[in-house]
Amino acid sequence: MTNARTNSPGGPAIRAVDPWLPGNPSTRRLHQLLSNEERAQLATISSIVRFKKGEQIYSQGERAHTIFNIVSGVVKAYTSNATDHITAFLYPQDLVGLLEEGHYANSAVAVTAVTAYALPTPALRRELSKDAELEFHVIAKLCHELRQAQRHALLLAQRHALTKLAMFLELQEHLQTTGENPVAEVYLPMDRKDIAEFVGMSLPAVSRGFRDLVARRIIRIRDRRHVKIVDRGTLEQLASRTSRYPLQQRRTKQ
């Protein structure tokens, strides 16, 4: 990790779906929660840190002195028990560093090269205690992350490989979309092994599933990092299929 006391323009930024706005949160786009004044306020207590691809950012159980706000790059968060289990992929303007009783509740690794703001937890706590609006926006971000965790839990509960992969692609697309229209391509910076771990499938099953989605002309793969959704209706139908109410389609082996 490299550390510099310079701040990038604007200061830390937090994007999320505001859970208090009307409508279905799963269909609303991410937007910037913080005002320019709030971003500048957080910039005064933060510093820029950089991590190389594959570098450990922190480990589960370590004393949590810092929360990170991603500027560029992608991070994976995972829990370490008997085996590692990936719980989330985090993108620019996400917060990294879930705390539990003063310690990190998970581990985090840079999937790509990462630049982030490092916010010391004592200083952040002081800022939140004296600014109710800023505290409200951080709570909104945490509510958004809780909803993403619930969607991931629903994904893991599915038995059908194509349903899992369709839900995974929809989730990654949602996390990468900030405007009114979906992204042209879904960016997958993680390798297939990480995807398999995230969706709860074997690596061969993930490869077969992607090939099946391509063969059905639901997606098109430009390379291992970029996937274009070409039949959104069918993908959404697959993603909405549950183990309890399966579609009458051929089941992909896992």
C-alpha atoms as a PDB file:
ATOM      1  CA  MET A   1       0.000   0.000   0.000  1.00  0.00           C
ATOM      2  CA  THR A   2       1.219   3.496  -0.801  1.00  0.00           C
ATOM      3  CA  ASN A   3      -0.049   6.525   1.088  1.00  0.00           C
ATOM      4  CA  ALA A   4      -0.118  10.194   0.101  1.00  0.00           C
ATOM      5  CA  ARG A   5      -1.553  13.154   1.982  1.00  0.00           C
ATOM      6  CA  THR A   6      -3.027  14.650  -1.190  1.00  0.00           C
ATOM      7  CA  ASN A   7      -6.743  14.586  -1.903  1.00  0.00           C
ATOM      8  CA  SER A   8      -8.333  14.008  -5.304  1.00  0.00           C
ATOM      9  CA  PRO A   9     -10.793  16.676  -6.540  1.00  0.00           C
ATOM     10  CA  GLY A  10     -14.097  16.777  -4.703  1.00  0.00           C
ATOM     11  CA  GLY A  11     -13.292  14.550  -1.744  1.00  0.00           C
ATOM     12  CA  PRO A  12     -14.858  11.219  -0.732  1.00  0.00           C
ATOM     13  CA  ALA A  13     -18.069  10.271  -2.523  1.00  0.00           C
ATOM     14  CA  ILE A  14     -20.801   7.804  -1.589  1.00  0.00           C
ATOM     15  CA  ARG A  15     -23.267   6.437  -4.136  1.00  0.00           C
ATOM     16  CA  ALA A  16     -26.345   4.437  -3.250  1.00  0.00           C
ATOM     17  CA  VAL A  17     -30.059   4.057  -3.812  1.00  0.00           C
ATOM     18  CA  ASP A  18     -31.808   6.181  -1.205  1.00  0.00           C
ATOM     19  CA  PRO A  19     -34.022   3.642   0.645  1.00  0.00           C
ATOM     20  CA  TRP A  20     -36.458   6.356   1.736  1.00  0.00           C
ATOM     21  CA  LEU A  21     -37.415   7.444  -1.776  1.00  0.00           C
ATOM     22  CA  PRO A  22     -40.668   5.992  -3.195  1.00  0.00           C
ATOM     23  CA  GLY A  23     -40.585   3.080  -5.640  1.00  0.00           C
ATOM     24  CA  ASN A  24     -38.814  -0.246  -5.874  1.00  0.00           C
ATOM     25  CA  PRO A  25     -35.134   0.124  -4.794  1.00  0.00           C
ATOM     26  CA  SER A  26     -34.054  -2.708  -7.112  1.00  0.00           C
ATOM     27  CA  THR A  27     -35.162  -0.713 -10.180  1.00  0.00           C
ATOM     28  CA  ARG A  28     -33.762   2.686  -9.116  1.00  0.00           C
ATOM     29  CA  ARG A  29     -30.320   3.872 -10.137  1.00  0.00           C
ATOM     30  CA  LEU A  30     -27.444   4.751  -7.863  1.00  0.00           C
ATOM     31  CA  HIS A  31     -26.798   8.422  -7.244  1.00  0.00           C
ATOM     32  CA  GLN A  32     -24.408  10.576  -5.237  1.00  0.00           C
ATOM     33  CA  LEU A  33     -25.608  11.012  -1.653  1.00  0.00           C
ATOM     34  CA  LEU A  34     -23.141  13.639  -0.463  1.00  0.00           C
ATOM     35  CA  SER A  35     -23.234  17.358  -1.195  1.00  0.00           C
ATOM     36  CA  ASN A  36     -20.082  19.147  -2.332  1.00  0.00           C
ATOM     37  CA  GLU A  37     -19.800  20.625   1.145  1.00  0.00           C
ATOM     38  CA  GLU A  38     -20.002  17.186   2.788  1.00  0.00           C
ATOM     39  CA  ARG A  39     -17.385  15.786   0.412  1.00  0.00           C
ATOM     40  CA  ALA A  40     -15.055  18.689   1.187  1.00  0.00           C
ATOM     41  CA  GLN A  41     -15.692  18.151   4.892  1.00  0.00           C
ATOM     42  CA  LEU A  42     -14.627  14.503   4.661  1.00  0.00           C
ATOM     43  CA  ALA A  43     -11.613  15.427   2.520  1.00  0.00           C
ATOM     44  CA  THR A  44     -10.141  17.316   5.475  1.00  0.00           C
ATOM     45  CA  ILE A  45      -9.822  14.085   7.514  1.00  0.00           C
ATOM     46  CA  SER A  46      -8.851  11.720   4.701  1.00  0.00           C
ATOM     47  CA  SER A  47      -5.729  10.739   2.790  1.00  0.00           C
ATOM     48  CA  ILE A  48      -5.245   8.895  -0.506  1.00  0.00           C
ATOM     49  CA  VAL A  49      -4.007   5.292  -0.421  1.00  0.00           C
ATOM     50  CA  ARG A  50      -3.204   2.977  -3.315  1.00  0.00           C
ATOM     51  CA  PHE A  51      -3.196  -0.814  -3.480  1.00  0.00           C
ATOM     52  CA  LYS A  52      -1.752  -3.082  -6.140  1.00  0.00           C
ATOM     53  CA  LYS A  53      -3.863  -5.768  -7.801  1.00  0.00           C
ATOM     54  CA  GLY A  54      -4.132  -8.717  -5.404  1.00  0.00           C
ATOM     55  CA  GLU A  55      -2.912  -6.712  -2.391  1.00  0.00           C
ATOM     56  CA  GLN A  56      -4.561  -7.293   0.978  1.00  0.00           C
ATOM     57  CA  ILE A  57      -6.300  -4.156   2.214  1.00  0.00           C
ATOM     58  CA  TYR A  58      -7.142  -5.519   5.665  1.00  0.00           C
ATOM     59  CA  SER A  59      -7.887  -8.877   7.291  1.00  0.00           C
ATOM     60  CA  GLN A  60     -10.883 -10.080   9.242  1.00  0.00           C
ATOM     61  CA  GLY A  61     -10.472  -9.614  12.989  1.00  0.00           C
ATOM     62  CA  GLU A  62      -7.856  -6.850  12.755  1.00  0.00           C
ATOM     63  CA  ARG A  63      -8.401  -3.687  14.767  1.00  0.00           C
ATOM     64  CA  ALA A  64     -10.367  -1.337  12.508  1.00  0.00           C
ATOM     65  CA  HIS A  65      -8.579   2.004  12.453  1.00  0.00           C
ATOM     66  CA  THR A  66      -9.660   3.004   8.933  1.00  0.00           C
ATOM     67  CA  ILE A  67     -12.665   2.922   6.615  1.00  0.00           C
ATOM     68  CA  PHE A  68     -11.903   3.129   2.899  1.00  0.00           C
ATOM     69  CA  ASN A  69     -13.860   4.952   0.199  1.00  0.00           C
ATOM     70  CA  ILE A  70     -12.991   3.660  -3.273  1.00  0.00           C
ATOM     71  CA  VAL A  71     -11.987   6.257  -5.866  1.00  0.00           C
ATOM     72  CA  SER A  72     -11.063   3.815  -8.648  1.00  0.00           C
ATOM     73  CA  GLY A  73     -10.745   0.052  -8.989  1.00  0.00           C
ATOM     74  CA  VAL A  74     -12.644  -2.915  -7.566  1.00  0.00           C
ATOM     75  CA  VAL A  75     -12.368  -4.642  -4.185  1.00  0.00           C
ATOM     76  CA  LYS A  76     -13.683  -8.012  -3.037  1.00  0.00           C
ATOM     77  CA  ALA A  77     -14.823  -8.519   0.544  1.00  0.00           C
ATOM     78  CA  TYR A  78     -14.809 -12.009   2.009  1.00  0.00           C
ATOM     79  CA  THR A  79     -15.179 -13.835   5.296  1.00  0.00           C
ATOM     80  CA  SER A  80     -12.576 -16.319   6.501  1.00  0.00           C
ATOM     81  CA  ASN A  81     -13.922 -19.217   8.495  1.00  0.00           C
ATOM     82  CA  ALA A  82     -13.273 -22.835   7.473  1.00  0.00           C
ATOM     83  CA  THR A  83     -13.028 -21.566   3.896  1.00  0.00           C
ATOM     84  CA  ASP A  84     -13.051 -18.122   2.297  1.00  0.00           C
ATOM     85  CA  HIS A  85     -16.448 -16.904   1.146  1.00  0.00           C
ATOM     86  CA  ILE A  86     -16.790 -13.810  -1.055  1.00  0.00           C
ATOM     87  CA  THR A  87     -19.592 -11.598   0.231  1.00  0.00           C
ATOM     88  CA  ALA A  88     -19.372  -8.575  -2.076  1.00  0.00           C
ATOM     89  CA  PHE A  89     -17.616  -6.858  -4.947  1.00  0.00           C
ATOM     90  CA  LEU A  90     -17.188  -3.142  -4.265  1.00  0.00           C
ATOM     91  CA  TYR A  91     -16.833  -0.377  -6.840  1.00  0.00           C
ATOM     92  CA  PRO A  92     -15.912   3.338  -6.928  1.00  0.00           C
ATOM     93  CA  GLN A  93     -17.816   5.424  -4.366  1.00  0.00           C
ATOM     94  CA  ASP A  94     -18.424   2.365  -2.171  1.00  0.00           C
ATOM     95  CA  LEU A  95     -17.289   2.119   1.453  1.00  0.00           C
ATOM     96  CA  VAL A  96     -14.967  -0.704   2.506  1.00  0.00           C
ATOM     97  CA  GLY A  97     -14.340  -1.707   6.110  1.00  0.00           C
ATOM     98  CA  LEU A  98     -17.368  -3.225   7.829  1.00  0.00           C
ATOM     99  CA  LEU A  99     -16.833  -3.001  11.592  1.00  0.00           C
ATOM    100  CA  GLU A 100     -17.893  -5.248  14.433  1.00  0.00           C
ATOM    101  CA  GLU A 101     -16.936  -4.273  17.993  1.00  0.00           C
ATOM    102  CA  GLY A 102     -14.005  -2.244  16.742  1.00  0.00           C
ATOM    103  CA  HIS A 103     -12.608  -4.962  14.463  1.00  0.00           C
ATOM    104  CA  TYR A 104     -13.019  -5.694  10.763  1.00  0.00           C
ATOM    105  CA  ALA A 105     -15.923  -8.096  10.244  1.00  0.00           C
ATOM    106  CA  ASN A 106     -14.493  -9.343   6.933  1.00  0.00           C
ATOM    107  CA  SER A 107     -11.340  -9.219   4.831  1.00  0.00           C
ATOM    108  CA  ALA A 108     -10.748  -7.164   1.697  1.00  0.00           C
ATOM    109  CA  VAL A 109      -8.432  -7.610  -1.298  1.00  0.00           C
ATOM    110  CA  ALA A 110      -7.868  -5.398  -4.339  1.00  0.00           C
ATOM    111  CA  VAL A 111      -9.272  -7.194  -7.414  1.00  0.00           C
ATOM    112  CA  THR A 112      -7.670  -4.529  -9.613  1.00  0.00           C
ATOM    113  CA  ALA A 113      -5.302  -1.700  -8.798  1.00  0.00           C
ATOM    114  CA  VAL A 114      -7.233   0.446  -6.310  1.00  0.00           C
ATOM    115  CA  THR A 115      -7.089   4.081  -5.257  1.00  0.00           C
ATOM    116  CA  ALA A 116      -9.115   4.982  -2.181  1.00  0.00           C
ATOM    117  CA  TYR A 117      -9.637   7.574   0.492  1.00  0.00           C
ATOM    118  CA  ALA A 118      -8.572   6.373   3.915  1.00  0.00           C
ATOM    119  CA  LEU A 119     -10.844   7.789   6.613  1.00  0.00           C
ATOM    120  CA  PRO A 120      -9.634   7.241  10.204  1.00  0.00           C
ATOM    121  CA  THR A 121     -12.548   5.848  12.204  1.00  0.00           C
ATOM    122  CA  PRO A 122     -12.129   8.165  15.246  1.00  0.00           C
ATOM    123  CA  ALA A 123     -12.128  11.274  13.006  1.00  0.00           C
ATOM    124  CA  LEU A 124     -15.061   9.969  10.954  1.00  0.00           C
ATOM    125  CA  ARG A 125     -16.998   9.266  14.113  1.00  0.00           C
ATOM    126  CA  ARG A 126     -16.454  12.846  15.293  1.00  0.00           C
ATOM    127  CA  GLU A 127     -17.638  14.261  11.966  1.00  0.00           C
ATOM    128  CA  LEU A 128     -20.777  12.138  12.008  1.00  0.00           C
ATOM    129  CA  SER A 129     -21.592  13.070  15.600  1.00  0.00           C
ATOM    130  CA  LYS A 130     -21.702  16.784  14.767  1.00  0.00           C
ATOM    131  CA  ASP A 131     -23.415  16.598  11.360  1.00  0.00           C
ATOM    132  CA  ALA A 132     -26.804  14.848  11.353  1.00  0.00           C
ATOM    133  CA  GLU A 133     -27.235  15.188   7.578  1.00  0.00           C
ATOM    134  CA  LEU A 134     -23.895  13.522   6.887  1.00  0.00           C
ATOM    135  CA  GLU A 135     -24.703  10.767   9.379  1.00  0.00           C
ATOM    136  CA  PHE A 136     -28.072  10.232   7.641  1.00  0.00           C
ATOM    137  CA  HIS A 137     -26.347   9.791   4.270  1.00  0.00           C
ATOM    138  CA  VAL A 138     -23.933   7.215   5.695  1.00  0.00           C
ATOM    139  CA  ILE A 139     -26.907   5.347   7.202  1.00  0.00           C
ATOM    140  CA  ALA A 140     -28.600   5.405   3.779  1.00  0.00           C
ATOM    141  CA  LYS A 141     -25.448   3.870   2.282  1.00  0.00           C
ATOM    142  CA  LEU A 142     -25.421   1.137   4.944  1.00  0.00           C
ATOM    143  CA  CYS A 143     -29.104   0.381   4.212  1.00  0.00           C
ATOM    144  CA  HIS A 144     -28.219   0.056   0.529  1.00  0.00           C
ATOM    145  CA  GLU A 145     -25.417  -2.390   1.358  1.00  0.00           C
ATOM    146  CA  LEU A 146     -27.775  -4.404   3.558  1.00  0.00           C
ATOM    147  CA  ARG A 147     -30.190  -4.722   0.635  1.00  0.00           C
ATOM    148  CA  GLN A 148     -27.335  -5.884  -1.607  1.00  0.00           C
ATOM    149  CA  ALA A 149     -26.417  -8.505   1.008  1.00  0.00           C
ATOM    150  CA  GLN A 150     -30.030  -9.705   1.034  1.00  0.00           C
ATOM    151  CA  ARG A 151     -30.003 -10.039  -2.767  1.00  0.00           C
ATOM    152  CA  HIS A 152     -26.772 -12.023  -2.535  1.00  0.00           C
ATOM    153  CA  ALA A 153     -28.346 -14.335   0.073  1.00  0.00           C
ATOM    154  CA  LEU A 154     -31.317 -14.890  -2.259  1.00  0.00           C
ATOM    155  CA  LEU A 155     -28.897 -15.678  -5.101  1.00  0.00           C
ATOM    156  CA  LEU A 156     -27.097 -18.295  -2.995  1.00  0.00           C
ATOM    157  CA  ALA A 157     -30.417 -19.940  -2.128  1.00  0.00           C
ATOM    158  CA  GLN A 158     -31.163 -20.755  -5.783  1.00  0.00           C
ATOM    159  CA  ARG A 159     -30.582 -24.236  -7.198  1.00  0.00           C
ATOM    160  CA  HIS A 160     -30.486 -23.359 -10.903  1.00  0.00           C
ATOM    161  CA  ALA A 161     -27.143 -22.347 -12.398  1.00  0.00           C
ATOM    162  CA  LEU A 162     -28.604 -19.979 -14.991  1.00  0.00           C
ATOM    163  CA  THR A 163     -30.720 -18.248 -12.359  1.00  0.00           C
ATOM    164  CA  LYS A 164     -27.634 -17.690 -10.226  1.00  0.00           C
ATOM    165  CA  LEU A 165     -25.618 -16.277 -13.129  1.00  0.00           C
ATOM    166  CA  ALA A 166     -28.498 -14.095 -14.355  1.00  0.00           C
ATOM    167  CA  MET A 167     -28.908 -12.656 -10.847  1.00  0.00           C
ATOM    168  CA  PHE A 168     -25.147 -12.133 -10.629  1.00  0.00           C
ATOM    169  CA  LEU A 169     -25.041 -10.216 -13.929  1.00  0.00           C
ATOM    170  CA  GLU A 170     -28.031  -8.088 -12.942  1.00  0.00           C
ATOM    171  CA  LEU A 171     -26.421  -7.293  -9.590  1.00  0.00           C
ATOM    172  CA  GLN A 172     -23.077  -6.268 -11.139  1.00  0.00           C
ATOM    173  CA  GLU A 173     -24.853  -4.188 -13.786  1.00  0.00           C
ATOM    174  CA  HIS A 174     -26.887  -2.427 -11.087  1.00  0.00           C
ATOM    175  CA  LEU A 175     -23.730  -1.621  -9.108  1.00  0.00           C
ATOM    176  CA  GLN A 176     -22.090  -0.141 -12.209  1.00  0.00           C
ATOM    177  CA  THR A 177     -25.049   1.926 -13.456  1.00  0.00           C
ATOM    178  CA  THR A 178     -25.348   5.520 -12.308  1.00  0.00           C
ATOM    179  CA  GLY A 179     -27.379   7.101 -15.128  1.00  0.00           C
ATOM    180  CA  GLU A 180     -30.857   6.436 -16.406  1.00  0.00           C
ATOM    181  CA  ASN A 181     -29.768   3.751 -18.893  1.00  0.00           C
ATOM    182  CA  PRO A 182     -28.010   0.430 -18.175  1.00  0.00           C
ATOM    183  CA  VAL A 183     -24.297   0.179 -18.917  1.00  0.00           C
ATOM    184  CA  ALA A 184     -23.427  -0.862 -22.474  1.00  0.00           C
ATOM    185  CA  GLU A 185     -21.476  -3.829 -21.127  1.00  0.00           C
ATOM    186  CA  VAL A 186     -21.193  -5.416 -17.697  1.00  0.00           C
ATOM    187  CA  TYR A 187     -17.591  -5.186 -16.521  1.00  0.00           C
ATOM    188  CA  LEU A 188     -16.332  -8.327 -14.751  1.00  0.00           C
ATOM    189  CA  PRO A 189     -12.881  -7.541 -13.327  1.00  0.00           C
ATOM    190  CA  MET A 190     -12.973 -10.628 -11.109  1.00  0.00           C
ATOM    191  CA  ASP A 191     -11.839 -14.017 -12.413  1.00  0.00           C
ATOM    192  CA  ARG A 192     -14.155 -16.982 -12.924  1.00  0.00           C
ATOM    193  CA  LYS A 193     -12.985 -18.568  -9.665  1.00  0.00           C
ATOM    194  CA  ASP A 194     -14.155 -15.493  -7.728  1.00  0.00           C
ATOM    195  CA  ILE A 195     -17.482 -15.562  -9.573  1.00  0.00           C
ATOM    196  CA  ALA A 196     -17.919 -19.251  -8.721  1.00  0.00           C
ATOM    197  CA  GLU A 197     -17.221 -18.528  -5.063  1.00  0.00           C
ATOM    198  CA  PHE A 198     -19.621 -15.576  -5.003  1.00  0.00           C
ATOM    199  CA  VAL A 199     -22.541 -17.457  -6.593  1.00  0.00           C
ATOM    200  CA  GLY A 200     -21.921 -20.744  -4.770  1.00  0.00           C
ATOM    201  CA  MET A 201     -21.123 -22.901  -7.809  1.00  0.00           C
ATOM    202  CA  SER A 202     -18.179 -24.937  -9.015  1.00  0.00           C
ATOM    203  CA  LEU A 203     -15.801 -23.367 -11.519  1.00  0.00           C
ATOM    204  CA  PRO A 204     -16.779 -25.827 -14.313  1.00  0.00           C
ATOM    205  CA  ALA A 205     -20.471 -25.069 -13.661  1.00  0.00           C
ATOM    206  CA  VAL A 206     -19.843 -21.331 -14.034  1.00  0.00           C
ATOM    207  CA  SER A 207     -18.049 -21.904 -17.348  1.00  0.00           C
ATOM    208  CA  ARG A 208     -20.885 -24.129 -18.610  1.00  0.00           C
ATOM    209  CA  GLY A 209     -23.453 -21.590 -17.473  1.00  0.00           C
ATOM    210  CA  PHE A 210     -21.824 -18.719 -19.352  1.00  0.00           C
ATOM    211  CA  ARG A 211     -21.527 -20.887 -22.466  1.00  0.00           C
ATOM    212  CA  ASP A 212     -25.221 -21.753 -22.168  1.00  0.00           C
ATOM    213  CA  LEU A 213     -26.214 -18.085 -21.850  1.00  0.00           C
ATOM    214  CA  VAL A 214     -24.153 -17.319 -24.968  1.00  0.00           C
ATOM    215  CA  ALA A 215     -25.633 -20.285 -26.881  1.00  0.00           C
ATOM    216  CA  ARG A 216     -29.156 -19.068 -26.041  1.00  0.00           C
ATOM    217  CA  ARG A 217     -28.157 -15.597 -27.292  1.00  0.00           C
ATOM    218  CA  ILE A 218     -28.987 -14.030 -23.955  1.00  0.00           C
ATOM    219  CA  ILE A 219     -25.515 -12.533 -23.546  1.00  0.00           C
ATOM    220  CA  ARG A 220     -22.519 -11.890 -25.757  1.00  0.00           C
ATOM    221  CA  ILE A 221     -18.986 -12.104 -24.362  1.00  0.00           C
ATOM    222  CA  ARG A 222     -16.473  -9.712 -25.934  1.00  0.00           C
ATOM    223  CA  ASP A 223     -13.701 -11.003 -23.687  1.00  0.00           C
ATOM    224  CA  ARG A 224     -13.401 -12.439 -20.168  1.00  0.00           C
ATOM    225  CA  ARG A 225     -13.927  -8.970 -18.661  1.00  0.00           C
ATOM    226  CA  HIS A 226     -16.872  -7.643 -20.676  1.00  0.00           C
ATOM    227  CA  VAL A 227     -20.363  -9.117 -21.110  1.00  0.00           C
ATOM    228  CA  LYS A 228     -23.167  -7.532 -23.113  1.00  0.00           C
ATOM    229  CA  ILE A 229     -26.787  -8.398 -22.302  1.00  0.00           C
ATOM    230  CA  VAL A 230     -28.510  -8.870 -25.665  1.00  0.00           C
ATOM    231  CA  ASP A 231     -31.799 -10.467 -24.542  1.00  0.00           C
ATOM    232  CA  ARG A 232     -32.740  -8.540 -21.415  1.00  0.00           C
ATOM    233  CA  GLY A 233     -36.249  -9.964 -21.201  1.00  0.00           C
ATOM    234  CA  THR A 234     -35.041 -13.557 -20.979  1.00  0.00           C
ATOM    235  CA  LEU A 235     -32.252 -12.628 -18.566  1.00  0.00           C
ATOM    236  CA  GLU A 236     -34.746 -10.903 -16.282  1.00  0.00           C
ATOM    237  CA  GLN A 237     -37.035 -13.936 -16.503  1.00  0.00           C
ATOM    238  CA  LEU A 238     -34.174 -16.210 -15.502  1.00  0.00           C
ATOM    239  CA  ALA A 239     -33.170 -13.880 -12.653  1.00  0.00           C
ATOM    240  CA  SER A 240     -36.717 -13.803 -11.295  1.00  0.00           C
ATOM    241  CA  ARG A 241     -37.014 -17.592 -11.344  1.00  0.00           C
ATOM    242  CA  THR A 242     -36.801 -19.067  -7.852  1.00  0.00           C
ATOM    243  CA  SER A 243     -36.194 -22.596  -6.688  1.00  0.00           C
ATOM    244  CA  ARG A 244     -39.798 -22.724  -5.561  1.00  0.00           C
ATOM    245  CA  TYR A 245     -41.287 -21.549  -8.863  1.00  0.00           C
ATOM    246  CA  PRO A 246     -38.961 -22.786 -11.669  1.00  0.00           C
ATOM    247  CA  LEU A 247     -39.462 -21.997 -15.335  1.00  0.00           C
ATOM    248  CA  GLN A 248     -40.038 -24.923 -17.661  1.00  0.00           C
ATOM    249  CA  GLN A 249     -36.551 -24.839 -19.135  1.00  0.00           C
ATOM    250  CA  ARG A 250     -33.668 -27.221 -19.320  1.00  0.00           C
ATOM    251  CA  ARG A 251     -31.746 -27.174 -16.082  1.00  0.00           C
ATOM    252  CA  THR A 252     -28.006 -26.565 -16.341  1.00  0.00           C
ATOM    253  CA  LYS A 253     -25.984 -29.075 -14.373  1.00  0.00           C
ATOM    254  CA  GLN A 254     -23.957 -27.786 -11.453  1.00  0.00           C
END
